[in-house]
Amino acid sequence: MDSGFNAILCRYCEIALKGKNRGMFEQCLMDNIRYLLNKIENLKISRIRGRLNIFHREMENFTISELNEIGSKLPKAFGLASFSPAVVCSPDMDEILSSVERCAGDIFKKALDEKRNPSFRIRARRSDKSFPLVSRDIEITIADLVDRLYNSEERLRVDLENADVTVSCEVREKKAFVFFEKFSGPGGLPTGSNAPVLCLISGGIDSPVAAALMMKRGCHVDFITFDSYPYTPPEALEKVRRITRVLNSFQRPGKLYACNLAEIQKQIRDNCSEKYRTILYRRYMFRIADAIAQKNKLKALVTGESVGQVASQTIVNLSTINNAVDMLILRPLAGYDKEEVITISKRIDTFEISKEQVPDSCTVFAPNAPATAAPQRKIEIEEEKLDIDELLQEAVNDTLKSSKIEL
């Protein structure tokens, strides 16, 4: 079924600040949009100053099902600020009015059916200064048409701030766009415009949000998870697989590596002070992740840690954990509280999976009274009690083999 719209007008914000590099960011965003919309055939994406325009190569209208697909996928295109289904016509006032008349009927009818006195407003923007009417005159001309066509009983009222229906028009040098809705994009920078990273991901709420926030800053994300089978159930890894599938819907799919940490944890349990177990676990996790990242030319590690959230996430302990590796460690949630993280988790559709109760590797042999401020020298003394270099190398090798995990 024909939607009546033959273009999608896409807007960005942060990309506009990139100066001479803007073209690279625009191209990256266009490539990502093509990937997200790969189910729709015969698409073309063009650049107009400050905008991207999506349309069929023959300029035919989108179908309702295509518009639904676009509406579900573009909110996942990091770098995109907003988008609008639009009608493209020539920059001629008669053509613009014809487009409004052709498309606005159903919109105003719905508003009149749903509300006794619905409000409307007209928004016009003229970037082509040779166009004979200024923006205000365009608005007045369209408003006169709306009043004549849809307000015979004087049920419509004007509201410039909070209108039920907004008729918008952008006039450019070669095209004019008429549209009625603006849908939010995720903002940020297009994924792939910055260096790739490796995210330490669990089945919890925090680390998937951290991964999504790094995608929003332009990083393609691969993932590494740690399980402790047979001390953790197979469902733990399956849960992370499901979360990773959701996260990969925002980017070209990243790899998921899985590392079994059980043997290393047993050595730590049997030889080291109980109160330092979690910090020691984390240091070995980081060493393994560092090796995987370097092997795959990934430039930083990402975690879902938030300062002070649990004992291992105090400033002292985070510093002690950091010092296990030289690679840059990014903690995008460092200043977030739990409610803020949950809000983002719901927005990216990982919350319902994350809240399922499945034990993870950090709970294995967990100390009753974990240290909240473990000096690095104390931890190094504890590590001197361990002889697990061979186990560590085996863990790295086995993890590299796991990159073909079915997602």
Protein backbone atom coordinates (compact mmCIF):
# COMPACT_ATOMS: atom_id res chain seq x y z
CA MET A 1 0.00 0.00 0.00
CA ASP A 2 1.31 3.46 -1.01
CA SER A 3 2.30 5.73 1.89
CA GLY A 4 2.13 8.95 -0.14
CA PHE A 5 5.74 9.85 0.80
CA ASN A 6 8.65 9.57 -1.61
CA ALA A 7 11.57 10.64 0.60
CA ILE A 8 12.98 10.45 4.13
CA LEU A 9 14.61 13.67 5.25
CA CYS A 10 17.40 12.90 7.74
CA ARG A 11 19.04 15.42 10.07
CA TYR A 12 22.24 15.29 12.08
CA CYS A 13 23.69 17.62 14.74
CA GLU A 14 27.17 16.72 15.95
CA ILE A 15 28.42 15.80 12.47
CA ALA A 16 27.78 19.39 11.41
CA LEU A 17 30.60 20.51 13.75
CA LYS A 18 33.25 18.38 12.05
CA GLY A 19 34.56 21.00 9.60
CA LYS A 20 36.74 19.58 6.86
CA ASN A 21 36.19 16.02 8.15
CA ARG A 22 32.41 16.25 7.87
CA GLY A 23 32.31 14.39 4.56
CA MET A 24 33.88 11.31 6.17
CA PHE A 25 31.30 11.28 8.96
CA GLU A 26 28.45 11.81 6.50
CA GLN A 27 29.68 8.94 4.34
CA CYS A 28 29.96 6.68 7.37
CA LEU A 29 26.39 7.54 8.40
CA MET A 30 25.15 6.89 4.85
CA ASP A 31 26.89 3.49 4.79
CA ASN A 32 25.32 2.56 8.13
CA ILE A 33 21.85 3.62 6.96
CA ARG A 34 22.25 1.51 3.80
CA TYR A 35 23.18 -1.46 5.97
CA LEU A 36 20.26 -0.97 8.36
CA LEU A 37 17.82 -0.60 5.46
CA ASN A 38 19.23 -3.43 3.34
CA LYS A 39 15.82 -5.14 3.13
CA ILE A 40 14.45 -2.24 1.05
CA GLU A 41 15.47 -2.50 -2.59
CA ASN A 42 16.52 0.26 -4.98
CA LEU A 43 17.37 2.86 -2.33
CA LYS A 44 19.47 5.93 -2.95
CA ILE A 45 20.91 8.26 -0.30
CA SER A 46 22.04 11.73 -1.26
CA ARG A 47 23.67 14.57 0.65
CA ILE A 48 22.08 17.98 0.83
CA ARG A 49 23.85 20.57 2.97
CA GLY A 50 23.11 19.67 6.60
CA ARG A 51 20.79 16.84 5.58
CA LEU A 52 20.66 13.37 4.08
CA ASN A 53 17.82 12.39 1.77
CA ILE A 54 16.67 8.76 1.32
CA PHE A 55 14.50 7.86 -1.66
CA HIS A 56 13.88 5.22 -4.33
CA ARG A 57 16.03 5.62 -7.42
CA GLU A 58 12.94 6.18 -9.57
CA MET A 59 11.42 8.52 -6.95
CA GLU A 60 8.36 6.32 -6.50
CA ASN A 61 6.54 6.50 -3.18
CA PHE A 62 7.48 4.26 -0.28
CA THR A 63 4.99 1.57 0.63
CA ILE A 64 3.48 1.45 4.12
CA SER A 65 5.56 -1.66 4.94
CA GLU A 66 8.75 0.07 3.75
CA LEU A 67 7.91 3.11 5.88
CA ASN A 68 7.40 0.81 8.90
CA GLU A 69 10.79 -0.81 8.25
CA ILE A 70 12.42 2.61 8.03
CA GLY A 71 10.67 3.72 11.22
CA SER A 72 12.01 0.71 13.13
CA LYS A 73 15.60 0.86 11.82
CA LEU A 74 16.56 4.54 11.64
CA PRO A 75 16.27 5.04 15.44
CA LYS A 76 19.28 2.68 15.59
CA ALA A 77 21.44 4.75 13.22
CA PHE A 78 23.89 6.46 15.57
CA GLY A 79 24.75 9.92 14.24
CA LEU A 80 21.17 10.61 13.17
CA ALA A 81 19.40 13.36 15.14
CA SER A 82 15.92 13.01 13.59
CA PHE A 83 14.12 11.98 10.41
CA SER A 84 10.84 12.73 8.64
CA PRO A 85 8.84 10.98 5.91
CA ALA A 86 8.48 13.70 3.27
CA VAL A 87 7.11 14.60 -0.13
CA VAL A 88 9.72 15.96 -2.52
CA CYS A 89 8.62 18.41 -5.18
CA SER A 90 10.13 21.20 -7.23
CA PRO A 91 10.79 24.48 -5.37
CA ASP A 92 7.67 26.13 -6.70
CA MET A 93 4.90 27.48 -4.47
CA ASP A 94 2.12 25.89 -6.53
CA GLU A 95 3.89 22.51 -6.35
CA ILE A 96 4.37 22.90 -2.60
CA LEU A 97 0.68 23.71 -2.06
CA SER A 98 -0.31 20.77 -4.25
CA SER A 99 1.85 18.46 -2.13
CA VAL A 100 0.29 19.78 1.09
CA GLU A 101 -3.21 19.33 -0.33
CA ARG A 102 -2.44 15.81 -1.52
CA CYS A 103 -0.97 14.56 1.76
CA ALA A 104 -2.49 16.59 4.59
CA GLY A 105 -6.09 15.43 4.23
CA ASP A 106 -5.78 12.17 6.17
CA ILE A 107 -3.66 13.85 8.85
CA PHE A 108 -6.16 16.62 9.53
CA LYS A 109 -9.11 14.21 9.31
CA LYS A 110 -7.53 12.02 11.98
CA ALA A 111 -6.85 15.04 14.21
CA LEU A 112 -10.45 16.27 13.82
CA ASP A 113 -11.83 12.81 14.60
CA GLU A 114 -9.71 12.44 17.72
CA LYS A 115 -10.09 15.93 19.21
CA ARG A 116 -12.83 18.52 19.33
CA ASN A 117 -10.63 21.51 18.49
CA PRO A 118 -7.23 20.27 17.31
CA SER A 119 -4.43 22.77 16.88
CA PHE A 120 -2.04 23.23 13.99
CA ARG A 121 0.97 25.28 13.02
CA ILE A 122 3.04 25.85 9.87
CA ARG A 123 6.83 25.75 9.88
CA ALA A 124 8.80 26.86 6.81
CA ARG A 125 12.51 27.16 6.18
CA ARG A 126 13.97 28.75 3.05
CA SER A 127 17.65 28.00 2.45
CA ASP A 128 17.41 29.05 -1.24
CA LYS A 129 17.52 32.84 -0.95
CA SER A 130 16.45 33.23 -4.59
CA PHE A 131 13.02 31.80 -3.79
CA PRO A 132 10.49 34.66 -4.17
CA LEU A 133 8.83 34.20 -0.77
CA VAL A 134 10.57 34.46 2.61
CA SER A 135 9.88 31.80 5.25
CA ARG A 136 7.09 33.75 6.94
CA ASP A 137 5.28 34.32 3.63
CA ILE A 138 5.53 30.60 2.83
CA GLU A 139 3.96 29.82 6.21
CA ILE A 140 1.11 32.28 5.64
CA THR A 141 0.39 30.89 2.17
CA ILE A 142 0.26 27.28 3.43
CA ALA A 143 -1.85 28.33 6.45
CA ASP A 144 -4.40 29.97 4.11
CA LEU A 145 -4.64 26.69 2.17
CA VAL A 146 -5.09 24.61 5.36
CA ASP A 147 -7.76 26.99 6.63
CA ARG A 148 -9.65 26.89 3.33
CA LEU A 149 -9.49 23.09 2.91
CA TYR A 150 -9.86 21.74 6.45
CA ASN A 151 -11.38 24.46 8.62
CA SER A 152 -14.78 25.06 7.09
CA GLU A 153 -16.43 24.63 10.51
CA GLU A 154 -13.70 26.66 12.25
CA ARG A 155 -12.74 23.75 14.46
CA LEU A 156 -9.02 24.20 13.99
CA ARG A 157 -7.01 26.55 16.17
CA VAL A 158 -3.45 27.83 15.87
CA ASP A 159 -0.86 26.80 18.47
CA LEU A 160 2.72 27.75 17.64
CA GLU A 161 4.25 25.87 20.58
CA ASN A 162 2.35 22.60 21.10
CA ALA A 163 0.34 21.88 17.97
CA ASP A 164 -1.48 18.61 17.29
CA VAL A 165 -0.56 18.88 13.59
CA THR A 166 2.57 20.54 12.20
CA VAL A 167 2.88 21.16 8.48
CA SER A 168 6.56 21.74 7.67
CA CYS A 169 8.24 22.87 4.48
CA GLU A 170 11.92 23.21 3.57
CA VAL A 171 12.78 24.99 0.33
CA ARG A 172 16.21 24.33 -1.17
CA GLU A 173 17.82 25.17 -4.47
CA LYS A 174 16.57 22.21 -6.49
CA LYS A 175 13.97 20.60 -4.24
CA ALA A 176 11.30 21.40 -1.71
CA PHE A 177 10.27 19.03 1.09
CA VAL A 178 6.87 18.87 2.75
CA PHE A 179 6.53 16.79 5.92
CA PHE A 180 4.30 16.43 8.96
CA GLU A 181 6.21 14.42 11.58
CA LYS A 182 9.69 14.39 13.08
CA PHE A 183 10.99 11.17 14.67
CA SER A 184 13.99 11.12 17.00
CA GLY A 185 17.23 9.42 16.08
CA PRO A 186 19.80 8.25 18.65
CA GLY A 187 22.23 11.15 18.06
CA GLY A 188 25.97 10.93 18.57
CA LEU A 189 28.42 9.91 15.85
CA PRO A 190 28.03 7.15 13.25
CA THR A 191 29.36 3.78 14.38
CA GLY A 192 32.62 3.03 12.60
CA SER A 193 33.80 6.65 12.49
CA ASN A 194 36.11 6.06 15.48
CA ALA A 195 38.53 3.26 16.37
CA PRO A 196 37.09 -0.20 17.22
CA VAL A 197 36.94 -1.44 20.82
CA LEU A 198 36.38 -4.60 22.84
CA CYS A 199 33.64 -4.55 25.50
CA LEU A 200 33.76 -6.84 28.54
CA ILE A 201 30.11 -7.85 28.58
CA SER A 202 28.10 -9.81 31.13
CA GLY A 203 24.45 -10.68 31.38
CA GLY A 204 23.85 -7.69 33.65
CA ILE A 205 22.26 -4.32 32.97
CA ASP A 206 25.37 -2.11 32.88
CA SER A 207 27.81 -3.52 30.32
CA PRO A 208 25.31 -3.66 27.39
CA VAL A 209 24.55 0.03 28.00
CA ALA A 210 28.29 0.80 28.04
CA ALA A 211 28.65 -0.97 24.68
CA ALA A 212 25.78 1.03 23.16
CA LEU A 213 27.23 4.32 24.43
CA MET A 214 30.56 3.54 22.76
CA MET A 215 28.75 2.76 19.50
CA LYS A 216 27.14 6.19 19.90
CA ARG A 217 30.63 7.72 20.07
CA GLY A 218 31.51 6.14 16.74
CA CYS A 219 33.22 2.91 17.88
CA HIS A 220 32.47 -0.47 16.35
CA VAL A 221 32.24 -2.90 19.27
CA ASP A 222 33.34 -6.51 19.61
CA PHE A 223 32.48 -8.35 22.82
CA ILE A 224 34.12 -10.69 25.31
CA THR A 225 32.25 -12.50 28.06
CA PHE A 226 33.51 -14.67 30.91
CA ASP A 227 31.75 -17.75 32.21
CA SER A 228 32.77 -20.27 34.86
CA TYR A 229 31.17 -23.51 33.70
CA PRO A 230 30.49 -25.90 35.46
CA TYR A 231 30.06 -23.39 38.33
CA THR A 232 27.79 -21.23 36.18
CA PRO A 233 24.99 -22.70 34.05
CA PRO A 234 24.98 -22.83 30.21
CA GLU A 235 22.13 -20.32 30.34
CA ALA A 236 24.67 -17.63 31.37
CA LEU A 237 26.37 -17.73 27.98
CA GLU A 238 23.08 -17.99 26.12
CA LYS A 239 21.83 -14.88 27.91
CA VAL A 240 24.89 -12.92 26.76
CA ARG A 241 24.36 -14.21 23.20
CA ARG A 242 20.83 -12.80 23.24
CA ILE A 243 22.01 -9.44 24.55
CA THR A 244 24.74 -9.30 21.91
CA ARG A 245 22.21 -9.96 19.15
CA VAL A 246 20.23 -6.91 20.32
CA LEU A 247 23.37 -4.74 20.44
CA ASN A 248 24.45 -5.91 17.00
CA SER A 249 21.18 -4.58 15.57
CA PHE A 250 22.77 -1.11 15.99
CA GLN A 251 25.93 -1.92 14.00
CA ARG A 252 27.50 -4.31 11.54
CA PRO A 253 27.73 -7.42 13.74
CA GLY A 254 30.61 -7.50 16.19
CA LYS A 255 32.21 -10.78 17.27
CA LEU A 256 31.45 -12.36 20.63
CA TYR A 257 34.35 -14.09 22.37
CA ALA A 258 33.69 -16.39 25.32
CA CYS A 259 36.31 -17.26 27.94
CA ASN A 260 35.94 -19.92 30.63
CA LEU A 261 37.61 -18.50 33.73
CA ALA A 262 36.87 -21.40 36.09
CA GLU A 263 40.40 -22.87 36.33
CA ILE A 264 41.97 -19.47 37.00
CA GLN A 265 39.31 -18.73 39.62
CA LYS A 266 40.00 -22.04 41.35
CA GLN A 267 43.71 -21.19 41.56
CA ILE A 268 42.88 -17.80 43.06
CA ARG A 269 40.44 -19.40 45.52
CA ASP A 270 42.98 -21.95 46.68
CA ASN A 271 46.02 -19.69 46.98
CA CYS A 272 44.97 -16.09 47.64
CA SER A 273 43.31 -14.06 50.36
CA GLU A 274 39.53 -14.30 50.07
CA LYS A 275 38.88 -10.56 50.31
CA TYR A 276 40.94 -9.88 47.15
CA ARG A 277 39.30 -12.52 44.94
CA THR A 278 37.08 -10.22 42.88
CA ILE A 279 39.91 -7.78 42.16
CA LEU A 280 42.18 -10.65 41.13
CA TYR A 281 39.43 -12.05 38.89
CA ARG A 282 39.03 -8.68 37.22
CA ARG A 283 42.77 -8.24 36.63
CA TYR A 284 42.95 -11.59 34.85
CA MET A 285 39.83 -10.79 32.85
CA PHE A 286 41.52 -7.59 31.70
CA ARG A 287 44.73 -9.43 30.78
CA ILE A 288 42.79 -11.88 28.64
CA ALA A 289 40.71 -9.10 27.05
CA ASP A 290 43.87 -7.09 26.38
CA ALA A 291 45.43 -10.04 24.52
CA ILE A 292 42.27 -10.57 22.45
CA ALA A 293 42.02 -6.87 21.63
CA GLN A 294 45.66 -6.62 20.54
CA LYS A 295 45.33 -9.74 18.39
CA ASN A 296 42.35 -8.15 16.59
CA LYS A 297 43.75 -4.59 16.42
CA LEU A 298 41.08 -3.22 18.75
CA LYS A 299 42.20 0.00 20.39
CA ALA A 300 40.56 0.07 23.84
CA LEU A 301 38.70 -2.02 26.41
CA VAL A 302 35.22 -1.00 27.55
CA THR A 303 33.48 -1.94 30.80
CA GLY A 304 30.15 -1.17 32.44
CA GLU A 305 31.74 -0.13 35.74
CA SER A 306 30.32 2.85 37.63
CA VAL A 307 32.34 4.54 40.36
CA GLY A 308 31.35 3.27 43.80
CA GLN A 309 28.59 0.92 42.64
CA VAL A 310 30.16 -2.20 44.20
CA ALA A 311 33.29 -2.93 46.23
CA SER A 312 35.49 -3.59 43.18
CA GLN A 313 34.47 -0.22 41.69
CA THR A 314 35.91 2.17 44.25
CA ILE A 315 38.52 4.57 42.89
CA VAL A 316 41.38 2.67 44.56
CA ASN A 317 40.21 -0.71 43.28
CA LEU A 318 39.54 0.57 39.76
CA SER A 319 43.07 1.94 39.67
CA THR A 320 44.50 -1.37 40.89
CA ILE A 321 42.51 -3.25 38.24
CA ASN A 322 43.57 -0.80 35.51
CA ASN A 323 47.22 -1.38 36.21
CA ALA A 324 47.00 -5.01 35.13
CA VAL A 325 47.19 -3.86 31.48
CA ASP A 326 48.58 -0.94 29.48
CA MET A 327 45.65 -0.65 27.07
CA LEU A 328 43.22 2.26 27.35
CA ILE A 329 40.17 1.36 29.45
CA LEU A 330 36.94 3.25 28.81
CA ARG A 331 34.15 3.38 31.40
CA PRO A 332 31.29 5.33 29.83
CA LEU A 333 29.06 4.71 32.87
CA ALA A 334 31.57 6.02 35.43
CA GLY A 335 29.29 8.86 36.60
CA TYR A 336 25.88 7.25 36.01
CA ASP A 337 23.55 6.02 38.73
CA LYS A 338 21.56 2.80 38.37
CA GLU A 339 18.27 4.45 37.41
CA GLU A 340 19.95 6.34 34.59
CA VAL A 341 21.49 3.12 33.30
CA ILE A 342 18.15 1.29 33.50
CA THR A 343 16.48 4.05 31.48
CA ILE A 344 19.02 3.64 28.66
CA SER A 345 18.81 -0.15 28.94
CA LYS A 346 15.08 0.02 28.29
CA ARG A 347 15.60 2.36 25.36
CA ILE A 348 18.05 -0.02 23.64
CA ASP A 349 15.87 -3.08 24.40
CA THR A 350 18.36 -5.01 26.55
CA PHE A 351 16.68 -4.49 29.95
CA GLU A 352 14.17 -7.35 29.78
CA ILE A 353 16.95 -9.84 29.00
CA SER A 354 19.41 -8.34 31.48
CA LYS A 355 17.01 -8.52 34.42
CA GLU A 356 16.66 -12.32 34.08
CA GLN A 357 18.33 -13.91 37.09
CA VAL A 358 21.24 -16.08 35.89
CA PRO A 359 24.52 -16.43 37.88
CA ASP A 360 27.64 -15.02 36.20
CA SER A 361 31.35 -15.61 36.70
CA CYS A 362 31.82 -12.77 39.20
CA THR A 363 29.59 -14.58 41.69
CA VAL A 364 31.73 -17.75 41.67
CA PHE A 365 33.61 -18.15 44.98
CA ALA A 366 32.63 -14.57 45.79
CA PRO A 367 34.16 -13.25 49.05
CA ASN A 368 31.93 -12.54 52.04
CA ALA A 369 33.74 -9.28 52.81
CA PRO A 370 35.47 -7.96 49.66
CA ALA A 371 38.22 -5.38 49.97
CA THR A 372 37.12 -1.85 49.09
CA ALA A 373 40.62 -0.30 48.85
CA ALA A 374 43.21 -2.87 47.77
CA PRO A 375 46.65 -1.27 47.23
CA GLN A 376 48.38 -2.46 44.09
CA ARG A 377 51.39 -3.77 46.01
CA LYS A 378 49.11 -6.02 48.12
CA ILE A 379 47.53 -7.45 44.95
CA GLU A 380 50.92 -8.01 43.33
CA ILE A 381 52.00 -9.98 46.43
CA GLU A 382 48.85 -12.09 46.11
CA GLU A 383 49.58 -12.73 42.43
CA GLU A 384 53.07 -13.93 43.29
CA LYS A 385 51.36 -16.89 45.01
CA LEU A 386 49.90 -17.96 41.66
CA ASP A 387 51.51 -20.01 38.94
CA ILE A 388 48.94 -19.68 36.20
CA ASP A 389 50.85 -18.32 33.18
CA GLU A 390 50.09 -21.53 31.31
CA LEU A 391 46.40 -21.35 32.29
CA LEU A 392 46.31 -17.72 31.19
CA GLN A 393 47.74 -18.55 27.75
CA GLU A 394 45.34 -21.46 27.39
CA ALA A 395 42.45 -19.14 28.25
CA VAL A 396 43.57 -16.65 25.57
CA ASN A 397 43.97 -19.37 22.95
CA ASP A 398 40.60 -20.96 23.74
CA THR A 399 38.94 -17.54 23.69
CA LEU A 400 40.33 -16.71 20.26
CA LYS A 401 38.86 -19.96 18.95
CA SER A 402 35.46 -19.01 20.36
CA SER A 403 35.02 -16.02 18.03
CA LYS A 404 32.79 -18.13 15.79
CA ILE A 405 30.10 -18.28 18.46
CA GLU A 406 26.73 -18.47 16.75
CA LEU A 407 24.80 -15.27 17.41
